[in-house]
C-alpha atoms as a PDB file:
ATOM      1  CA  UNK A   1      44.157 -20.975 -13.071  1.00  0.00           C
ATOM      2  CA  UNK A   2      46.773 -23.194 -14.590  1.00  0.00           C
ATOM      3  CA  UNK A   3      49.477 -24.186 -12.131  1.00  0.00           C
ATOM      4  CA  UNK A   4      52.496 -25.605 -13.934  1.00  0.00           C
ATOM      5  CA  UNK A   5      52.995 -29.279 -13.336  1.00  0.00           C
ATOM      6  CA  UNK A   6      55.872 -30.104 -11.056  1.00  0.00           C
ATOM      7  CA  UNK A   7      58.757 -31.674 -12.868  1.00  0.00           C
ATOM      8  CA  UNK A   8      59.489 -35.246 -11.843  1.00  0.00           C
ATOM      9  CA  UNK A   9      61.630 -35.735  -8.775  1.00  0.00           C
ATOM     10  CA  UNK A  10      65.266 -35.063  -9.584  1.00  0.00           C
ATOM     11  CA  UNK A  11      68.365 -36.192  -7.835  1.00  0.00           C
ATOM     12  CA  UNK A  12      70.579 -33.727  -5.989  1.00  0.00           C
ATOM     13  CA  UNK A  13      73.086 -33.163  -8.726  1.00  0.00           C
ATOM     14  CA  UNK A  14      74.551 -29.755  -9.586  1.00  0.00           C
ATOM     15  CA  UNK A  15      72.181 -29.537 -12.488  1.00  0.00           C
ATOM     16  CA  UNK A  16      69.303 -30.265 -10.059  1.00  0.00           C
ATOM     17  CA  UNK A  17      69.963 -27.065  -8.129  1.00  0.00           C
ATOM     18  CA  UNK A  18      69.730 -25.190 -11.407  1.00  0.00           C
ATOM     19  CA  UNK A  19      66.305 -26.740 -12.023  1.00  0.00           C
ATOM     20  CA  UNK A  20      65.238 -26.010  -8.451  1.00  0.00           C
ATOM     21  CA  UNK A  21      65.835 -22.300  -8.882  1.00  0.00           C
ATOM     22  CA  UNK A  22      63.992 -22.350 -12.198  1.00  0.00           C
ATOM     23  CA  UNK A  23      61.111 -24.180 -10.479  1.00  0.00           C
ATOM     24  CA  UNK A  24      61.084 -21.585  -7.695  1.00  0.00           C
ATOM     25  CA  UNK A  25      60.905 -18.800 -10.260  1.00  0.00           C
ATOM     26  CA  UNK A  26      58.149 -20.642 -12.142  1.00  0.00           C
ATOM     27  CA  UNK A  27      56.242 -21.203  -8.897  1.00  0.00           C
ATOM     28  CA  UNK A  28      56.632 -17.553  -7.896  1.00  0.00           C
ATOM     29  CA  UNK A  29      55.419 -16.319 -11.289  1.00  0.00           C
ATOM     30  CA  UNK A  30      52.566 -18.857 -11.193  1.00  0.00           C
ATOM     31  CA  UNK A  31      51.597 -17.614  -7.724  1.00  0.00           C
ATOM     32  CA  UNK A  32      51.773 -14.027  -8.895  1.00  0.00           C
ATOM     33  CA  UNK A  33      49.596 -14.871 -11.919  1.00  0.00           C
ATOM     34  CA  UNK A  34      47.193 -16.759  -9.682  1.00  0.00           C
ATOM     35  CA  UNK A  35      47.007 -13.843  -7.231  1.00  0.00           C
ATOM     36  CA  UNK A  36      46.418 -11.437 -10.110  1.00  0.00           C
ATOM     37  CA  UNK A  37      43.617 -13.638 -11.423  1.00  0.00           C
ATOM     38  CA  UNK A  38      42.064 -13.897  -7.928  1.00  0.00           C
ATOM     39  CA  UNK A  39      42.280 -10.094  -7.596  1.00  0.00           C
ATOM     40  CA  UNK A  40      40.553  -9.620 -10.971  1.00  0.00           C
ATOM     41  CA  UNK A  41      37.817 -12.087  -9.975  1.00  0.00           C
ATOM     42  CA  UNK A  42      37.379 -10.324  -6.631  1.00  0.00           C
ATOM     43  CA  UNK A  43      37.175  -6.940  -8.400  1.00  0.00           C
ATOM     44  CA  UNK A  44      34.602  -8.327 -10.849  1.00  0.00           C
ATOM     45  CA  UNK A  45      32.631  -9.853  -7.968  1.00  0.00           C
ATOM     46  CA  UNK A  46      32.771  -6.521  -6.118  1.00  0.00           C
ATOM     47  CA  UNK A  47      31.538  -4.692  -9.208  1.00  0.00           C
ATOM     48  CA  UNK A  48      28.718  -7.202  -9.622  1.00  0.00           C
ATOM     49  CA  UNK A  49      27.756  -6.818  -5.948  1.00  0.00           C
ATOM     50  CA  UNK A  50      27.870  -3.034  -6.267  1.00  0.00           C
ATOM     51  CA  UNK A  51      25.596  -3.231  -9.314  1.00  0.00           C
ATOM     52  CA  UNK A  52      23.273  -5.621  -7.482  1.00  0.00           C
ATOM     53  CA  UNK A  53      23.005  -3.337  -4.449  1.00  0.00           C
ATOM     54  CA  UNK A  54      22.461  -0.326  -6.709  1.00  0.00           C
ATOM     55  CA  UNK A  55      19.664  -2.168  -8.495  1.00  0.00           C
ATOM     56  CA  UNK A  56      18.164  -3.204  -5.157  1.00  0.00           C
ATOM     57  CA  UNK A  57      18.362   0.385  -3.910  1.00  0.00           C
ATOM     58  CA  UNK A  58      16.584   1.636  -7.036  1.00  0.00           C
ATOM     59  CA  UNK A  59      13.894  -1.020  -6.684  1.00  0.00           C
ATOM     60  CA  UNK A  60      13.323  -0.190  -3.016  1.00  0.00           C
ATOM     61  CA  UNK A  61      13.210   3.525  -3.821  1.00  0.00           C
ATOM     62  CA  UNK A  62      10.619   2.904  -6.556  1.00  0.00           C
ATOM     63  CA  UNK A  63       8.632   0.667  -4.205  1.00  0.00           C
ATOM     64  CA  UNK A  64       8.656   3.289  -1.464  1.00  0.00           C
ATOM     65  CA  UNK A  65       7.446   5.849  -4.015  1.00  0.00           C
ATOM     66  CA  UNK A  66       4.545   3.589  -4.948  1.00  0.00           C
ATOM     67  CA  UNK A  67       3.779   2.982  -1.285  1.00  0.00           C
ATOM     68  CA  UNK A  68       3.942   6.712  -0.519  1.00  0.00           C
ATOM     69  CA  UNK A  69       1.647   7.464  -3.460  1.00  0.00           C
ATOM     70  CA  UNK A  70      -0.733   4.711  -2.314  1.00  0.00           C
ATOM     71  CA  UNK A  71      -0.863   6.140   1.201  1.00  0.00           C
ATOM     72  CA  UNK A  72      -1.490   9.581  -0.321  1.00  0.00           C
ATOM     73  CA  UNK A  73      -4.402   8.221  -2.350  1.00  0.00           C
ATOM     74  CA  UNK A  74      -5.862   6.520   0.727  1.00  0.00           C
ATOM     75  CA  UNK A  75      -5.419   9.683   2.795  1.00  0.00           C
ATOM     76  CA  UNK A  76      -7.190  11.734   0.150  1.00  0.00           C
ATOM     77  CA  UNK A  77      -9.977   9.161  -0.103  1.00  0.00           C
ATOM     78  CA  UNK A  78     -10.456   9.094   3.676  1.00  0.00           C
ATOM     79  CA  UNK A  79     -10.586  12.904   3.837  1.00  0.00           C
ATOM     80  CA  UNK A  80     -13.104  12.981   0.999  1.00  0.00           C
ATOM     81  CA  UNK A  81     -15.184  10.247   2.622  1.00  0.00           C
ATOM     82  CA  UNK A  82     -15.048  12.038   5.971  1.00  0.00           C
ATOM     83  CA  UNK A  83     -16.228  15.272   4.371  1.00  0.00           C
ATOM     84  CA  UNK A  84     -19.029  13.462   2.539  1.00  0.00           C
ATOM     85  CA  UNK A  85     -20.155  11.688   5.710  1.00  0.00           C
ATOM     86  CA  UNK A  86     -20.163  14.951   7.668  1.00  0.00           C
ATOM     87  CA  UNK A  87     -22.182  16.672   4.924  1.00  0.00           C
ATOM     88  CA  UNK A  88     -24.640  13.747   4.784  1.00  0.00           C
ATOM     89  CA  UNK A  89     -25.052  13.813   8.562  1.00  0.00           C
ATOM     90  CA  UNK A  90     -25.736  17.556   8.476  1.00  0.00           C
ATOM     91  CA  UNK A  91     -28.294  17.027   5.687  1.00  0.00           C
ATOM     92  CA  UNK A  92     -29.910  14.155   7.595  1.00  0.00           C
ATOM     93  CA  UNK A  93     -30.180  16.273  10.743  1.00  0.00           C
ATOM     94  CA  UNK A  94     -31.790  19.031   8.663  1.00  0.00           C
ATOM     95  CA  UNK A  95     -34.132  16.497   7.049  1.00  0.00           C
ATOM     96  CA  UNK A  96     -35.128  15.079  10.443  1.00  0.00           C
ATOM     97  CA  UNK A  97     -35.720  18.590  11.799  1.00  0.00           C
ATOM     98  CA  UNK A  98     -37.903  19.426   8.791  1.00  0.00           C
ATOM     99  CA  UNK A  99     -39.748  16.113   9.247  1.00  0.00           C
ATOM    100  CA  UNK A 100     -40.549  17.047  12.870  1.00  0.00           C
ATOM    101  CA  UNK A 101     -41.828  20.428  11.690  1.00  0.00           C
ATOM    102  CA  UNK A 102     -44.015  18.713   9.082  1.00  0.00           C
ATOM    103  CA  UNK A 103     -45.263  16.267  11.690  1.00  0.00           C
ATOM    104  CA  UNK A 104     -46.299  19.189  13.917  1.00  0.00           C
ATOM    105  CA  UNK A 105     -48.102  20.815  10.977  1.00  0.00           C
ATOM    106  CA  UNK A 106     -49.775  17.507  10.044  1.00  0.00           C
ATOM    107  CA  UNK A 107     -50.887  17.106  13.668  1.00  0.00           C
ATOM    108  CA  UNK A 108     -52.823  20.353  13.245  1.00  0.00           C
ATOM    109  CA  UNK A 109     -54.495  18.859  10.150  1.00  0.00           C
ATOM    110  CA  UNK A 110     -55.342  15.732  12.140  1.00  0.00           C
ATOM    111  CA  UNK A 111     -56.980  17.892  14.820  1.00  0.00           C
ATOM    112  CA  UNK A 112     -58.990  19.745  12.140  1.00  0.00           C
ATOM    113  CA  UNK A 113     -59.994  16.361  10.660  1.00  0.00           C
ATOM    114  CA  UNK A 114     -61.261  15.263  14.107  1.00  0.00           C
ATOM    115  CA  UNK A 115     -63.192  18.511  14.414  1.00  0.00           C
ATOM    116  CA  UNK A 116     -64.739  17.930  10.968  1.00  0.00           C
ATOM    117  CA  UNK A 117     -65.778  14.411  12.042  1.00  0.00           C
ATOM    118  CA  UNK A 118     -67.378  15.853  15.180  1.00  0.00           C
ATOM    119  CA  UNK A 119     -69.171  18.505  13.131  1.00  0.00           C
ATOM    120  CA  UNK A 120     -70.386  15.846  10.662  1.00  0.00           C
ATOM    121  CA  UNK A 121     -71.631  13.682  13.545  1.00  0.00           C
ATOM    122  CA  UNK A 122     -73.424  16.633  15.100  1.00  0.00           C
ATOM    123  CA  UNK A 123     -74.979  17.563  11.715  1.00  0.00           C
ATOM    124  CA  UNK A 124     -76.206  13.989  11.314  1.00  0.00           C
ATOM    125  CA  UNK A 125     -77.745  14.097  14.794  1.00  0.00           C
ATOM    126  CA  UNK A 126     -79.286  17.478  13.991  1.00  0.00           C
ATOM    127  CA  UNK A 127     -80.831  16.121  10.773  1.00  0.00           C
ATOM    128  CA  UNK A 128     -82.268  13.183  12.668  1.00  0.00           C
ATOM    129  CA  UNK A 129     -83.711  15.557  15.258  1.00  0.00           C
ATOM    130  CA  UNK A 130     -85.186  17.858  12.570  1.00  0.00           C
ATOM    131  CA  UNK A 131     -86.717  14.857  10.773  1.00  0.00           C
ATOM    132  CA  UNK A 132     -88.423  13.830  14.032  1.00  0.00           C
ATOM    133  CA  UNK A 133     -89.860  17.257  14.553  1.00  0.00           C
ATOM    134  CA  UNK A 134     -91.486  17.375  11.176  1.00  0.00           C
END
């Protein structure tokens, strides 16, 4: 970004006007060179920004893919869990129904056990009565 140093102040002699036009040309070419350098820096900055945004876009796309895959895994897990829970509930209902059936059958055994106790008690009383008769 080198700007040529201004020549020292010159008096207004005929040779000074010659230097003034040379200075104007030097200043114009320096400005043109400076503008060209600024344009190249702006182009490079634009390219860098474009690369940065492209990289950011790729990163966000990859992240959204991971997020989408993660949601898919969770969805699959929830469906599987839901199916398992429904199957377990159905099995539990069946188990409880079978338990009630067994309880009803065991109640019959309890009634028979009570009848056996009554028969045993009556046999004991009958033995006592027979022993008295003898």
